[in-house]
Amino acid sequence: MFLMATLKLIFGVAIFGVLALVAIKLIPPFFSNYQFEDEIKTEALQGTYSTRTEEDIREAVIKHARNYDIALTPKQVHISRVGGFGTGTLAIDADYSVPVDLPGYSTTIEFHPSSKNKGIY
């Protein structure tokens, strides 16, 4: 009886430990993506009503990505503007992946943050 209770306790602690390790490895990339997507939304909003070029917006997005330890190249950030400044639509898309190494298993998580803002006129 005592042996069975001890085994259940050890098994329960081991399961909790594995879940904690997985959470420690997986939560930071998702949280960084969430924050980065918020920055992209802000850039889309501001970029719609400014005279900044697509290249300036792309550089700002890449700079924001570095703040969250996300490595982006200019080819991974797509900016499209339709219409004039303040009257058109600005869309920002980024594609990147983050490798995750767990004990005995490695995977890559793909992220595709994007935002689109439409002028009010």
PDB file of N, CA and C in Angstrom:
ATOM      1  N   MET A   1       0.824  -1.191   0.000  1.00  0.00           N
ATOM      2  CA  MET A   1       0.000   0.000   0.000  1.00  0.00           C
ATOM      3  C   MET A   1       0.875   1.264   0.000  1.00  0.00           C
ATOM      4  N   PHE A   2       1.871   1.287   0.883  1.00  0.00           N
ATOM      5  CA  PHE A   2       2.770   2.440   0.961  1.00  0.00           C
ATOM      6  C   PHE A   2       3.578   2.581  -0.330  1.00  0.00           C
ATOM      7  N   LEU A   3       4.001   1.463  -0.908  1.00  0.00           N
ATOM      8  CA  LEU A   3       4.778   1.491  -2.156  1.00  0.00           C
ATOM      9  C   LEU A   3       3.957   2.067  -3.295  1.00  0.00           C
ATOM     10  N   MET A   4       2.693   1.707  -3.393  1.00  0.00           N
ATOM     11  CA  MET A   4       1.835   2.207  -4.462  1.00  0.00           C
ATOM     12  C   MET A   4       1.622   3.721  -4.332  1.00  0.00           C
ATOM     13  N   ALA A   5       1.426   4.216  -3.131  1.00  0.00           N
ATOM     14  CA  ALA A   5       1.247   5.649  -2.903  1.00  0.00           C
ATOM     15  C   ALA A   5       2.517   6.410  -3.272  1.00  0.00           C
ATOM     16  N   THR A   6       3.664   5.840  -2.948  1.00  0.00           N
ATOM     17  CA  THR A   6       4.940   6.474  -3.274  1.00  0.00           C
ATOM     18  C   THR A   6       5.141   6.524  -4.782  1.00  0.00           C
ATOM     19  N   LEU A   7       4.828   5.441  -5.461  1.00  0.00           N
ATOM     20  CA  LEU A   7       4.954   5.416  -6.919  1.00  0.00           C
ATOM     21  C   LEU A   7       4.027   6.432  -7.582  1.00  0.00           C
ATOM     22  N   LYS A   8       2.808   6.566  -7.092  1.00  0.00           N
ATOM     23  CA  LYS A   8       1.869   7.544  -7.634  1.00  0.00           C
ATOM     24  C   LYS A   8       2.405   8.961  -7.443  1.00  0.00           C
ATOM     25  N   LEU A   9       2.980   9.213  -6.272  1.00  0.00           N
ATOM     26  CA  LEU A   9       3.541  10.531  -5.987  1.00  0.00           C
ATOM     27  C   LEU A   9       4.711  10.825  -6.925  1.00  0.00           C
ATOM     28  N   ILE A  10       5.606   9.889  -7.096  1.00  0.00           N
ATOM     29  CA  ILE A  10       6.765  10.073  -7.983  1.00  0.00           C
ATOM     30  C   ILE A  10       6.294  10.294  -9.420  1.00  0.00           C
ATOM     31  N   PHE A  11       5.334   9.490  -9.863  1.00  0.00           N
ATOM     32  CA  PHE A  11       4.799   9.625 -11.208  1.00  0.00           C
ATOM     33  C   PHE A  11       4.138  10.998 -11.390  1.00  0.00           C
ATOM     34  N   GLY A  12       3.375  11.441 -10.408  1.00  0.00           N
ATOM     35  CA  GLY A  12       2.714  12.745 -10.469  1.00  0.00           C
ATOM     36  C   GLY A  12       3.714  13.887 -10.525  1.00  0.00           C
ATOM     37  N   VAL A  13       4.768  13.811  -9.718  1.00  0.00           N
ATOM     38  CA  VAL A  13       5.794  14.853  -9.725  1.00  0.00           C
ATOM     39  C   VAL A  13       6.532  14.856 -11.069  1.00  0.00           C
ATOM     40  N   ALA A  14       6.804  13.680 -11.621  1.00  0.00           N
ATOM     41  CA  ALA A  14       7.485  13.589 -12.916  1.00  0.00           C
ATOM     42  C   ALA A  14       6.628  14.208 -14.026  1.00  0.00           C
ATOM     43  N   ILE A  15       5.345  13.914 -14.030  1.00  0.00           N
ATOM     44  CA  ILE A  15       4.438  14.488 -15.039  1.00  0.00           C
ATOM     45  C   ILE A  15       4.403  16.008 -14.898  1.00  0.00           C
ATOM     46  N   PHE A  16       4.314  16.498 -13.673  1.00  0.00           N
ATOM     47  CA  PHE A  16       4.307  17.944 -13.437  1.00  0.00           C
ATOM     48  C   PHE A  16       5.613  18.571 -13.923  1.00  0.00           C
ATOM     49  N   GLY A  17       6.726  17.910 -13.666  1.00  0.00           N
ATOM     50  CA  GLY A  17       8.031  18.416 -14.114  1.00  0.00           C
ATOM     51  C   GLY A  17       8.126  18.495 -15.629  1.00  0.00           C
ATOM     52  N   VAL A  18       7.645  17.472 -16.323  1.00  0.00           N
ATOM     53  CA  VAL A  18       7.666  17.470 -17.785  1.00  0.00           C
ATOM     54  C   VAL A  18       6.776  18.588 -18.325  1.00  0.00           C
ATOM     55  N   LEU A  19       5.600  18.756 -17.768  1.00  0.00           N
ATOM     56  CA  LEU A  19       4.700  19.826 -18.210  1.00  0.00           C
ATOM     57  C   LEU A  19       5.310  21.210 -17.964  1.00  0.00           C
ATOM     58  N   ALA A  20       5.976  21.375 -16.834  1.00  0.00           N
ATOM     59  CA  ALA A  20       6.627  22.654 -16.529  1.00  0.00           C
ATOM     60  C   ALA A  20       7.746  22.935 -17.533  1.00  0.00           C
ATOM     61  N   LEU A  21       8.528  21.914 -17.872  1.00  0.00           N
ATOM     62  CA  LEU A  21       9.611  22.092 -18.841  1.00  0.00           C
ATOM     63  C   LEU A  21       9.066  22.466 -20.219  1.00  0.00           C
ATOM     64  N   VAL A  22       8.025  21.802 -20.634  1.00  0.00           N
ATOM     65  CA  VAL A  22       7.410  22.112 -21.929  1.00  0.00           C
ATOM     66  C   VAL A  22       6.876  23.550 -21.917  1.00  0.00           C
ATOM     67  N   ALA A  23       6.239  23.950 -20.834  1.00  0.00           N
ATOM     68  CA  ALA A  23       5.715  25.314 -20.732  1.00  0.00           C
ATOM     69  C   ALA A  23       6.840  26.347 -20.770  1.00  0.00           C
ATOM     70  N   ILE A  24       7.946  26.061 -20.097  1.00  0.00           N
ATOM     71  CA  ILE A  24       9.078  26.989 -20.068  1.00  0.00           C
ATOM     72  C   ILE A  24       9.661  27.164 -21.474  1.00  0.00           C
ATOM     73  N   LYS A  25       9.640  26.129 -22.278  1.00  0.00           N
ATOM     74  CA  LYS A  25      10.184  26.201 -23.635  1.00  0.00           C
ATOM     75  C   LYS A  25       9.192  26.797 -24.642  1.00  0.00           C
ATOM     76  N   LEU A  26       7.899  26.563 -24.463  1.00  0.00           N
ATOM     77  CA  LEU A  26       6.914  26.977 -25.457  1.00  0.00           C
ATOM     78  C   LEU A  26       6.287  28.349 -25.219  1.00  0.00           C
ATOM     79  N   ILE A  27       6.115  28.744 -23.991  1.00  0.00           N
ATOM     80  CA  ILE A  27       5.421  30.004 -23.715  1.00  0.00           C
ATOM     81  C   ILE A  27       6.191  31.233 -24.213  1.00  0.00           C
ATOM     82  N   PRO A  28       7.517  31.351 -24.003  1.00  0.00           N
ATOM     83  CA  PRO A  28       8.206  32.569 -24.465  1.00  0.00           C
ATOM     84  C   PRO A  28       8.062  32.878 -25.951  1.00  0.00           C
ATOM     85  N   PRO A  29       8.191  31.905 -26.883  1.00  0.00           N
ATOM     86  CA  PRO A  29       8.000  32.281 -28.295  1.00  0.00           C
ATOM     87  C   PRO A  29       6.585  32.774 -28.600  1.00  0.00           C
ATOM     88  N   PHE A  30       5.584  32.171 -27.987  1.00  0.00           N
ATOM     89  CA  PHE A  30       4.208  32.607 -28.227  1.00  0.00           C
ATOM     90  C   PHE A  30       3.953  33.990 -27.626  1.00  0.00           C
ATOM     91  N   PHE A  31       4.521  34.262 -26.460  1.00  0.00           N
ATOM     92  CA  PHE A  31       4.361  35.571 -25.836  1.00  0.00           C
ATOM     93  C   PHE A  31       5.072  36.644 -26.654  1.00  0.00           C
ATOM     94  N   SER A  32       6.280  36.334 -27.140  1.00  0.00           N
ATOM     95  CA  SER A  32       7.006  37.286 -27.987  1.00  0.00           C
ATOM     96  C   SER A  32       6.231  37.573 -29.261  1.00  0.00           C
ATOM     97  N   ASN A  33       5.647  36.547 -29.864  1.00  0.00           N
ATOM     98  CA  ASN A  33       4.846  36.746 -31.070  1.00  0.00           C
ATOM     99  C   ASN A  33       3.640  37.629 -30.778  1.00  0.00           C
ATOM    100  N   TYR A  34       3.002  37.420 -29.640  1.00  0.00           N
ATOM    101  CA  TYR A  34       1.848  38.233 -29.256  1.00  0.00           C
ATOM    102  C   TYR A  34       2.242  39.708 -29.144  1.00  0.00           C
ATOM    103  N   GLN A  35       3.371  39.976 -28.485  1.00  0.00           N
ATOM    104  CA  GLN A  35       3.829  41.354 -28.334  1.00  0.00           C
ATOM    105  C   GLN A  35       4.250  41.949 -29.683  1.00  0.00           C
ATOM    106  N   PHE A  36       4.920  41.147 -30.493  1.00  0.00           N
ATOM    107  CA  PHE A  36       5.358  41.610 -31.807  1.00  0.00           C
ATOM    108  C   PHE A  36       4.159  41.920 -32.698  1.00  0.00           C
ATOM    109  N   GLU A  37       3.128  41.105 -32.630  1.00  0.00           N
ATOM    110  CA  GLU A  37       1.932  41.354 -33.432  1.00  0.00           C
ATOM    111  C   GLU A  37       1.269  42.671 -33.014  1.00  0.00           C
ATOM    112  N   ASP A  38       1.324  42.992 -31.741  1.00  0.00           N
ATOM    113  CA  ASP A  38       0.799  44.271 -31.268  1.00  0.00           C
ATOM    114  C   ASP A  38       1.596  45.428 -31.870  1.00  0.00           C
ATOM    115  N   GLU A  39       2.916  45.272 -31.958  1.00  0.00           N
ATOM    116  CA  GLU A  39       3.760  46.308 -32.569  1.00  0.00           C
ATOM    117  C   GLU A  39       3.432  46.462 -34.062  1.00  0.00           C
ATOM    118  N   ILE A  40       3.159  45.343 -34.735  1.00  0.00           N
ATOM    119  CA  ILE A  40       2.802  45.397 -36.157  1.00  0.00           C
ATOM    120  C   ILE A  40       1.481  46.154 -36.336  1.00  0.00           C
ATOM    121  N   LYS A  41       0.525  45.919 -35.446  1.00  0.00           N
ATOM    122  CA  LYS A  41      -0.756  46.629 -35.535  1.00  0.00           C
ATOM    123  C   LYS A  41      -0.543  48.132 -35.375  1.00  0.00           C
ATOM    124  N   THR A  42       0.314  48.511 -34.443  1.00  0.00           N
ATOM    125  CA  THR A  42       0.614  49.928 -34.231  1.00  0.00           C
ATOM    126  C   THR A  42       1.288  50.527 -35.457  1.00  0.00           C
ATOM    127  N   GLU A  43       2.246  49.796 -36.030  1.00  0.00           N
ATOM    128  CA  GLU A  43       2.920  50.275 -37.239  1.00  0.00           C
ATOM    129  C   GLU A  43       1.943  50.437 -38.396  1.00  0.00           C
ATOM    130  N   ALA A  44       1.015  49.504 -38.548  1.00  0.00           N
ATOM    131  CA  ALA A  44       0.030  49.601 -39.632  1.00  0.00           C
ATOM    132  C   ALA A  44      -0.864  50.819 -39.435  1.00  0.00           C
ATOM    133  N   LEU A  45      -1.269  51.058 -38.211  1.00  0.00           N
ATOM    134  CA  LEU A  45      -2.117  52.209 -37.921  1.00  0.00           C
ATOM    135  C   LEU A  45      -1.376  53.514 -38.205  1.00  0.00           C
ATOM    136  N   GLN A  46      -0.159  53.627 -37.690  1.00  0.00           N
ATOM    137  CA  GLN A  46       0.615  54.853 -37.890  1.00  0.00           C
ATOM    138  C   GLN A  46       1.053  55.018 -39.342  1.00  0.00           C
ATOM    139  N   GLY A  47       1.413  53.913 -39.975  1.00  0.00           N
ATOM    140  CA  GLY A  47       1.887  53.973 -41.353  1.00  0.00           C
ATOM    141  C   GLY A  47       0.820  54.382 -42.343  1.00  0.00           C
ATOM    142  N   THR A  48      -0.424  54.086 -42.044  1.00  0.00           N
ATOM    143  CA  THR A  48      -1.520  54.459 -42.940  1.00  0.00           C
ATOM    144  C   THR A  48      -1.627  55.975 -43.062  1.00  0.00           C
ATOM    145  N   TYR A  49      -1.376  56.675 -41.966  1.00  0.00           N
ATOM    146  CA  TYR A  49      -1.573  58.125 -41.934  1.00  0.00           C
ATOM    147  C   TYR A  49      -0.265  58.908 -41.978  1.00  0.00           C
ATOM    148  N   SER A  50       0.842  58.239 -42.301  1.00  0.00           N
ATOM    149  CA  SER A  50       2.112  58.949 -42.400  1.00  0.00           C
ATOM    150  C   SER A  50       2.631  58.869 -43.829  1.00  0.00           C
ATOM    151  N   THR A  51       3.669  59.609 -44.101  1.00  0.00           N
ATOM    152  CA  THR A  51       4.268  59.602 -45.436  1.00  0.00           C
ATOM    153  C   THR A  51       5.495  58.698 -45.491  1.00  0.00           C
ATOM    154  N   ARG A  52       5.652  57.842 -44.493  1.00  0.00           N
ATOM    155  CA  ARG A  52       6.797  56.929 -44.503  1.00  0.00           C
ATOM    156  C   ARG A  52       6.665  55.937 -45.655  1.00  0.00           C
ATOM    157  N   THR A  53       7.795  55.587 -46.217  1.00  0.00           N
ATOM    158  CA  THR A  53       7.800  54.633 -47.323  1.00  0.00           C
ATOM    159  C   THR A  53       7.648  53.215 -46.794  1.00  0.00           C
ATOM    160  N   GLU A  54       7.383  52.300 -47.709  1.00  0.00           N
ATOM    161  CA  GLU A  54       7.280  50.889 -47.331  1.00  0.00           C
ATOM    162  C   GLU A  54       8.588  50.388 -46.733  1.00  0.00           C
ATOM    163  N   GLU A  55       9.710  50.876 -47.274  1.00  0.00           N
ATOM    164  CA  GLU A  55      11.025  50.459 -46.765  1.00  0.00           C
ATOM    165  C   GLU A  55      11.236  50.953 -45.329  1.00  0.00           C
ATOM    166  N   ASP A  56      10.804  52.177 -45.025  1.00  0.00           N
ATOM    167  CA  ASP A  56      10.923  52.701 -43.659  1.00  0.00           C
ATOM    168  C   ASP A  56      10.080  51.877 -42.686  1.00  0.00           C
ATOM    169  N   ILE A  57       8.886  51.519 -43.107  1.00  0.00           N
ATOM    170  CA  ILE A  57       8.007  50.703 -42.255  1.00  0.00           C
ATOM    171  C   ILE A  57       8.616  49.326 -42.053  1.00  0.00           C
ATOM    172  N   ARG A  58       9.173  48.745 -43.120  1.00  0.00           N
ATOM    173  CA  ARG A  58       9.816  47.424 -43.027  1.00  0.00           C
ATOM    174  C   ARG A  58      10.965  47.467 -42.004  1.00  0.00           C
ATOM    175  N   GLU A  59      11.791  48.502 -42.083  1.00  0.00           N
ATOM    176  CA  GLU A  59      12.909  48.636 -41.134  1.00  0.00           C
ATOM    177  C   GLU A  59      12.411  48.779 -39.699  1.00  0.00           C
ATOM    178  N   ALA A  60      11.325  49.524 -39.509  1.00  0.00           N
ATOM    179  CA  ALA A  60      10.764  49.684 -38.163  1.00  0.00           C
ATOM    180  C   ALA A  60      10.233  48.352 -37.635  1.00  0.00           C
ATOM    181  N   VAL A  61       9.596  47.569 -38.494  1.00  0.00           N
ATOM    182  CA  VAL A  61       9.069  46.259 -38.084  1.00  0.00           C
ATOM    183  C   VAL A  61      10.216  45.339 -37.687  1.00  0.00           C
ATOM    184  N   ILE A  62      11.289  45.332 -38.468  1.00  0.00           N
ATOM    185  CA  ILE A  62      12.446  44.488 -38.152  1.00  0.00           C
ATOM    186  C   ILE A  62      13.077  44.927 -36.842  1.00  0.00           C
ATOM    187  N   LYS A  63      13.132  46.223 -36.602  1.00  0.00           N
ATOM    188  CA  LYS A  63      13.677  46.734 -35.340  1.00  0.00           C
ATOM    189  C   LYS A  63      12.817  46.286 -34.154  1.00  0.00           C
ATOM    190  N   HIS A  64      11.498  46.355 -34.302  1.00  0.00           N
ATOM    191  CA  HIS A  64      10.599  45.892 -33.243  1.00  0.00           C
ATOM    192  C   HIS A  64      10.799  44.398 -32.996  1.00  0.00           C
ATOM    193  N   ALA A  65      11.008  43.637 -34.056  1.00  0.00           N
ATOM    194  CA  ALA A  65      11.208  42.188 -33.921  1.00  0.00           C
ATOM    195  C   ALA A  65      12.453  41.896 -33.087  1.00  0.00           C
ATOM    196  N   ARG A  66      13.513  42.659 -33.313  1.00  0.00           N
ATOM    197  CA  ARG A  66      14.749  42.453 -32.532  1.00  0.00           C
ATOM    198  C   ARG A  66      14.516  42.679 -31.041  1.00  0.00           C
ATOM    199  N   ASN A  67      13.612  43.584 -30.701  1.00  0.00           N
ATOM    200  CA  ASN A  67      13.309  43.837 -29.291  1.00  0.00           C
ATOM    201  C   ASN A  67      12.739  42.601 -28.597  1.00  0.00           C
ATOM    202  N   TYR A  68      12.154  41.699 -29.378  1.00  0.00           N
ATOM    203  CA  TYR A  68      11.550  40.479 -28.831  1.00  0.00           C
ATOM    204  C   TYR A  68      12.351  39.233 -29.203  1.00  0.00           C
ATOM    205  N   ASP A  69      13.611  39.431 -29.567  1.00  0.00           N
ATOM    206  CA  ASP A  69      14.512  38.330 -29.941  1.00  0.00           C
ATOM    207  C   ASP A  69      13.971  37.524 -31.118  1.00  0.00           C
ATOM    208  N   ILE A  70      13.363  38.213 -32.056  1.00  0.00           N
ATOM    209  CA  ILE A  70      12.869  37.589 -33.277  1.00  0.00           C
ATOM    210  C   ILE A  70      13.774  38.059 -34.414  1.00  0.00           C
ATOM    211  N   ALA A  71      14.412  37.116 -35.074  1.00  0.00           N
ATOM    212  CA  ALA A  71      15.322  37.447 -36.171  1.00  0.00           C
ATOM    213  C   ALA A  71      14.552  37.466 -37.479  1.00  0.00           C
ATOM    214  N   LEU A  72      14.456  38.650 -38.068  1.00  0.00           N
ATOM    215  CA  LEU A  72      13.758  38.803 -39.350  1.00  0.00           C
ATOM    216  C   LEU A  72      14.695  39.413 -40.380  1.00  0.00           C
ATOM    217  N   THR A  73      14.534  38.999 -41.616  1.00  0.00           N
ATOM    218  CA  THR A  73      15.236  39.626 -42.731  1.00  0.00           C
ATOM    219  C   THR A  73      14.216  40.451 -43.509  1.00  0.00           C
ATOM    220  N   PRO A  74      14.687  41.396 -44.300  1.00  0.00           N
ATOM    221  CA  PRO A  74      13.730  42.193 -45.089  1.00  0.00           C
ATOM    222  C   PRO A  74      12.831  41.350 -45.997  1.00  0.00           C
ATOM    223  N   LYS A  75      13.304  40.194 -46.454  1.00  0.00           N
ATOM    224  CA  LYS A  75      12.484  39.338 -47.316  1.00  0.00           C
ATOM    225  C   LYS A  75      11.317  38.695 -46.558  1.00  0.00           C
ATOM    226  N   GLN A  76      11.405  38.632 -45.225  1.00  0.00           N
ATOM    227  CA  GLN A  76      10.351  38.011 -44.426  1.00  0.00           C
ATOM    228  C   GLN A  76       9.236  38.978 -44.059  1.00  0.00           C
ATOM    229  N   VAL A  77       9.430  40.257 -44.322  1.00  0.00           N
ATOM    230  CA  VAL A  77       8.436  41.277 -43.982  1.00  0.00           C
ATOM    231  C   VAL A  77       7.848  41.831 -45.275  1.00  0.00           C
ATOM    232  N   HIS A  78       6.538  41.707 -45.424  1.00  0.00           N
ATOM    233  CA  HIS A  78       5.859  42.154 -46.637  1.00  0.00           C
ATOM    234  C   HIS A  78       4.968  43.343 -46.307  1.00  0.00           C
ATOM    235  N   ILE A  79       5.194  44.446 -47.003  1.00  0.00           N
ATOM    236  CA  ILE A  79       4.414  45.661 -46.811  1.00  0.00           C
ATOM    237  C   ILE A  79       3.688  45.946 -48.119  1.00  0.00           C
ATOM    238  N   SER A  80       2.392  46.184 -48.049  1.00  0.00           N
ATOM    239  CA  SER A  80       1.665  46.580 -49.261  1.00  0.00           C
ATOM    240  C   SER A  80       0.741  47.746 -48.939  1.00  0.00           C
ATOM    241  N   ARG A  81       0.857  48.752 -49.771  1.00  0.00           N
ATOM    242  CA  ARG A  81       0.038  49.950 -49.611  1.00  0.00           C
ATOM    243  C   ARG A  81      -0.798  50.112 -50.873  1.00  0.00           C
ATOM    244  N   VAL A  82      -2.102  50.290 -50.692  1.00  0.00           N
ATOM    245  CA  VAL A  82      -3.012  50.518 -51.804  1.00  0.00           C
ATOM    246  C   VAL A  82      -3.670  51.868 -51.559  1.00  0.00           C
ATOM    247  N   GLY A  83      -3.589  52.760 -52.520  1.00  0.00           N
ATOM    248  CA  GLY A  83      -4.182  54.082 -52.362  1.00  0.00           C
ATOM    249  C   GLY A  83      -3.173  55.065 -51.807  1.00  0.00           C
ATOM    250  N   GLY A  84      -3.653  56.252 -51.499  1.00  0.00           N
ATOM    251  CA  GLY A  84      -2.789  57.316 -51.014  1.00  0.00           C
ATOM    252  C   GLY A  84      -2.626  57.281 -49.508  1.00  0.00           C
ATOM    253  N   PHE A  85      -1.796  58.188 -49.022  1.00  0.00           N
ATOM    254  CA  PHE A  85      -1.555  58.289 -47.588  1.00  0.00           C
ATOM    255  C   PHE A  85      -2.807  58.788 -46.892  1.00  0.00           C
ATOM    256  N   GLY A  86      -3.285  58.045 -45.923  1.00  0.00           N
ATOM    257  CA  GLY A  86      -4.475  58.419 -45.169  1.00  0.00           C
ATOM    258  C   GLY A  86      -5.779  57.991 -45.801  1.00  0.00           C
ATOM    259  N   THR A  87      -5.751  57.656 -47.089  1.00  0.00           N
ATOM    260  CA  THR A  87      -6.990  57.277 -47.758  1.00  0.00           C
ATOM    261  C   THR A  87      -6.980  55.818 -48.215  1.00  0.00           C
ATOM    262  N   GLY A  88      -5.849  55.191 -48.167  1.00  0.00           N
ATOM    263  CA  GLY A  88      -5.740  53.832 -48.677  1.00  0.00           C
ATOM    264  C   GLY A  88      -5.672  52.794 -47.576  1.00  0.00           C
ATOM    265  N   THR A  89      -5.103  51.670 -47.939  1.00  0.00           N
ATOM    266  CA  THR A  89      -4.968  50.540 -47.032  1.00  0.00           C
ATOM    267  C   THR A  89      -3.502  50.160 -46.921  1.00  0.00           C
ATOM    268  N   LEU A  90      -3.063  49.845 -45.710  1.00  0.00           N
ATOM    269  CA  LEU A  90      -1.691  49.397 -45.485  1.00  0.00           C
ATOM    270  C   LEU A  90      -1.756  48.035 -44.811  1.00  0.00           C
ATOM    271  N   ALA A  91      -1.064  47.059 -45.391  1.00  0.00           N
ATOM    272  CA  ALA A  91      -1.012  45.706 -44.829  1.00  0.00           C
ATOM    273  C   ALA A  91       0.442  45.348 -44.535  1.00  0.00           C
ATOM    274  N   ILE A  92       0.659  44.765 -43.374  1.00  0.00           N
ATOM    275  CA  ILE A  92       1.986  44.306 -42.960  1.00  0.00           C
ATOM    276  C   ILE A  92       1.870  42.832 -42.612  1.00  0.00           C
ATOM    277  N   ASP A  93       2.729  42.024 -43.220  1.00  0.00           N
ATOM    278  CA  ASP A  93       2.781  40.589 -42.949  1.00  0.00           C
ATOM    279  C   ASP A  93       4.225  40.197 -42.685  1.00  0.00           C
ATOM    280  N   ALA A  94       4.428  39.299 -41.754  1.00  0.00           N
ATOM    281  CA  ALA A  94       5.759  38.761 -41.479  1.00  0.00           C
ATOM    282  C   ALA A  94       5.632  37.250 -41.314  1.00  0.00           C
ATOM    283  N   ASP A  95       6.644  36.550 -41.751  1.00  0.00           N
ATOM    284  CA  ASP A  95       6.689  35.095 -41.603  1.00  0.00           C
ATOM    285  C   ASP A  95       8.022  34.719 -40.989  1.00  0.00           C
ATOM    286  N   TYR A  96       7.984  33.976 -39.891  1.00  0.00           N
ATOM    287  CA  TYR A  96       9.223  33.520 -39.272  1.00  0.00           C
ATOM    288  C   TYR A  96       8.954  32.246 -38.488  1.00  0.00           C
ATOM    289  N   SER A  97      10.023  31.569 -38.143  1.00  0.00           N
ATOM    290  CA  SER A  97       9.903  30.336 -37.372  1.00  0.00           C
ATOM    291  C   SER A  97      10.890  30.366 -36.211  1.00  0.00           C
ATOM    292  N   VAL A  98      10.541  29.637 -35.164  1.00  0.00           N
ATOM    293  CA  VAL A  98      11.376  29.557 -33.963  1.00  0.00           C
ATOM    294  C   VAL A  98      11.633  28.080 -33.672  1.00  0.00           C
ATOM    295  N   PRO A  99      12.912  27.672 -33.621  1.00  0.00           N
ATOM    296  CA  PRO A  99      13.194  26.275 -33.255  1.00  0.00           C
ATOM    297  C   PRO A  99      13.022  26.077 -31.752  1.00  0.00           C
ATOM    298  N   VAL A 100      12.434  24.957 -31.376  1.00  0.00           N
ATOM    299  CA  VAL A 100      12.225  24.630 -29.965  1.00  0.00           C
ATOM    300  C   VAL A 100      12.858  23.261 -29.707  1.00  0.00           C
ATOM    301  N   ASP A 101      13.768  23.232 -28.759  1.00  0.00           N
ATOM    302  CA  ASP A 101      14.445  21.982 -28.404  1.00  0.00           C
ATOM    303  C   ASP A 101      13.954  21.499 -27.050  1.00  0.00           C
ATOM    304  N   LEU A 102      13.283  20.377 -27.062  1.00  0.00           N
ATOM    305  CA  LEU A 102      12.852  19.713 -25.836  1.00  0.00           C
ATOM    306  C   LEU A 102      13.713  18.465 -25.666  1.00  0.00           C
ATOM    307  N   PRO A 103      13.834  17.963 -24.462  1.00  0.00           N
ATOM    308  CA  PRO A 103      14.626  16.737 -24.289  1.00  0.00           C
ATOM    309  C   PRO A 103      14.070  15.595 -25.139  1.00  0.00           C
ATOM    310  N   GLY A 104      14.875  15.134 -26.070  1.00  0.00           N
ATOM    311  CA  GLY A 104      14.467  14.032 -26.926  1.00  0.00           C
ATOM    312  C   GLY A 104      13.591  14.415 -28.095  1.00  0.00           C
ATOM    313  N   TYR A 105      13.311  15.694 -28.281  1.00  0.00           N
ATOM    314  CA  TYR A 105      12.428  16.114 -29.364  1.00  0.00           C
ATOM    315  C   TYR A 105      12.727  17.556 -29.756  1.00  0.00           C
ATOM    316  N   SER A 106      12.818  17.806 -31.036  1.00  0.00           N
ATOM    317  CA  SER A 106      13.011  19.167 -31.549  1.00  0.00           C
ATOM    318  C   SER A 106      11.921  19.453 -32.570  1.00  0.00           C
ATOM    319  N   THR A 107      11.472  20.681 -32.574  1.00  0.00           N
ATOM    320  CA  THR A 107      10.446  21.084 -33.525  1.00  0.00           C
ATOM    321  C   THR A 107      10.643  22.550 -33.876  1.00  0.00           C
ATOM    322  N   THR A 108       9.914  22.992 -34.861  1.00  0.00           N
ATOM    323  CA  THR A 108       9.943  24.389 -35.281  1.00  0.00           C
ATOM    324  C   THR A 108       8.517  24.915 -35.270  1.00  0.00           C
ATOM    325  N   ILE A 109       8.343  26.070 -34.649  1.00  0.00           N
ATOM    326  CA  ILE A 109       7.030  26.700 -34.586  1.00  0.00           C
ATOM    327  C   ILE A 109       7.002  27.825 -35.620  1.00  0.00           C
ATOM    328  N   GLU A 110       6.009  27.806 -36.482  1.00  0.00           N
ATOM    329  CA  GLU A 110       5.843  28.814 -37.524  1.00  0.00           C
ATOM    330  C   GLU A 110       4.897  29.919 -37.034  1.00  0.00           C
ATOM    331  N   PHE A 111       5.300  31.168 -37.260  1.00  0.00           N
ATOM    332  CA  PHE A 111       4.458  32.302 -36.896  1.00  0.00           C
ATOM    333  C   PHE A 111       4.220  33.162 -38.134  1.00  0.00           C
ATOM    334  N   HIS A 112       3.023  33.735 -38.224  1.00  0.00           N
ATOM    335  CA  HIS A 112       2.644  34.579 -39.360  1.00  0.00           C
ATOM    336  C   HIS A 112       1.870  35.808 -38.861  1.00  0.00           C
ATOM    337  N   PRO A 113       2.516  36.679 -38.078  1.00  0.00           N
ATOM    338  CA  PRO A 113       1.798  37.867 -37.599  1.00  0.00           C
ATOM    339  C   PRO A 113       1.512  38.823 -38.753  1.00  0.00           C
ATOM    340  N   SER A 114       0.361  39.465 -38.685  1.00  0.00           N
ATOM    341  CA  SER A 114      -0.011  40.414 -39.740  1.00  0.00           C
ATOM    342  C   SER A 114      -1.025  41.410 -39.206  1.00  0.00           C
ATOM    343  N   SER A 115      -1.136  42.503 -39.937  1.00  0.00           N
ATOM    344  CA  SER A 115      -2.137  43.508 -39.601  1.00  0.00           C
ATOM    345  C   SER A 115      -2.466  44.295 -40.861  1.00  0.00           C
ATOM    346  N   LYS A 116      -3.680  44.782 -40.901  1.00  0.00           N
ATOM    347  CA  LYS A 116      -4.127  45.576 -42.038  1.00  0.00           C
ATOM    348  C   LYS A 116      -4.930  46.743 -41.492  1.00  0.00           C
ATOM    349  N   ASN A 117      -4.656  47.938 -42.009  1.00  0.00           N
ATOM    350  CA  ASN A 117      -5.380  49.113 -41.562  1.00  0.00           C
ATOM    351  C   ASN A 117      -5.891  49.867 -42.777  1.00  0.00           C
ATOM    352  N   LYS A 118      -7.104  50.332 -42.665  1.00  0.00           N
ATOM    353  CA  LYS A 118      -7.755  51.042 -43.747  1.00  0.00           C
ATOM    354  C   LYS A 118      -7.939  52.500 -43.345  1.00  0.00           C
ATOM    355  N   GLY A 119      -7.629  53.413 -44.262  1.00  0.00           N
ATOM    356  CA  GLY A 119      -7.821  54.837 -44.009  1.00  0.00           C
ATOM    357  C   GLY A 119      -9.277  55.179 -43.841  1.00  0.00           C
ATOM    358  N   ILE A 120      -9.554  56.285 -43.169  1.00  0.00           N
ATOM    359  CA  ILE A 120     -10.950  56.630 -42.868  1.00  0.00           C
ATOM    360  C   ILE A 120     -11.640  57.395 -43.991  1.00  0.00           C
ATOM    361  N   TYR A 121     -10.894  57.821 -44.983  1.00  0.00           N
ATOM    362  CA  TYR A 121     -11.493  58.651 -46.052  1.00  0.00           C
ATOM    363  C   TYR A 121     -11.949  57.805 -47.193  1.00  0.00           C
TER     364      TYR A 121
END
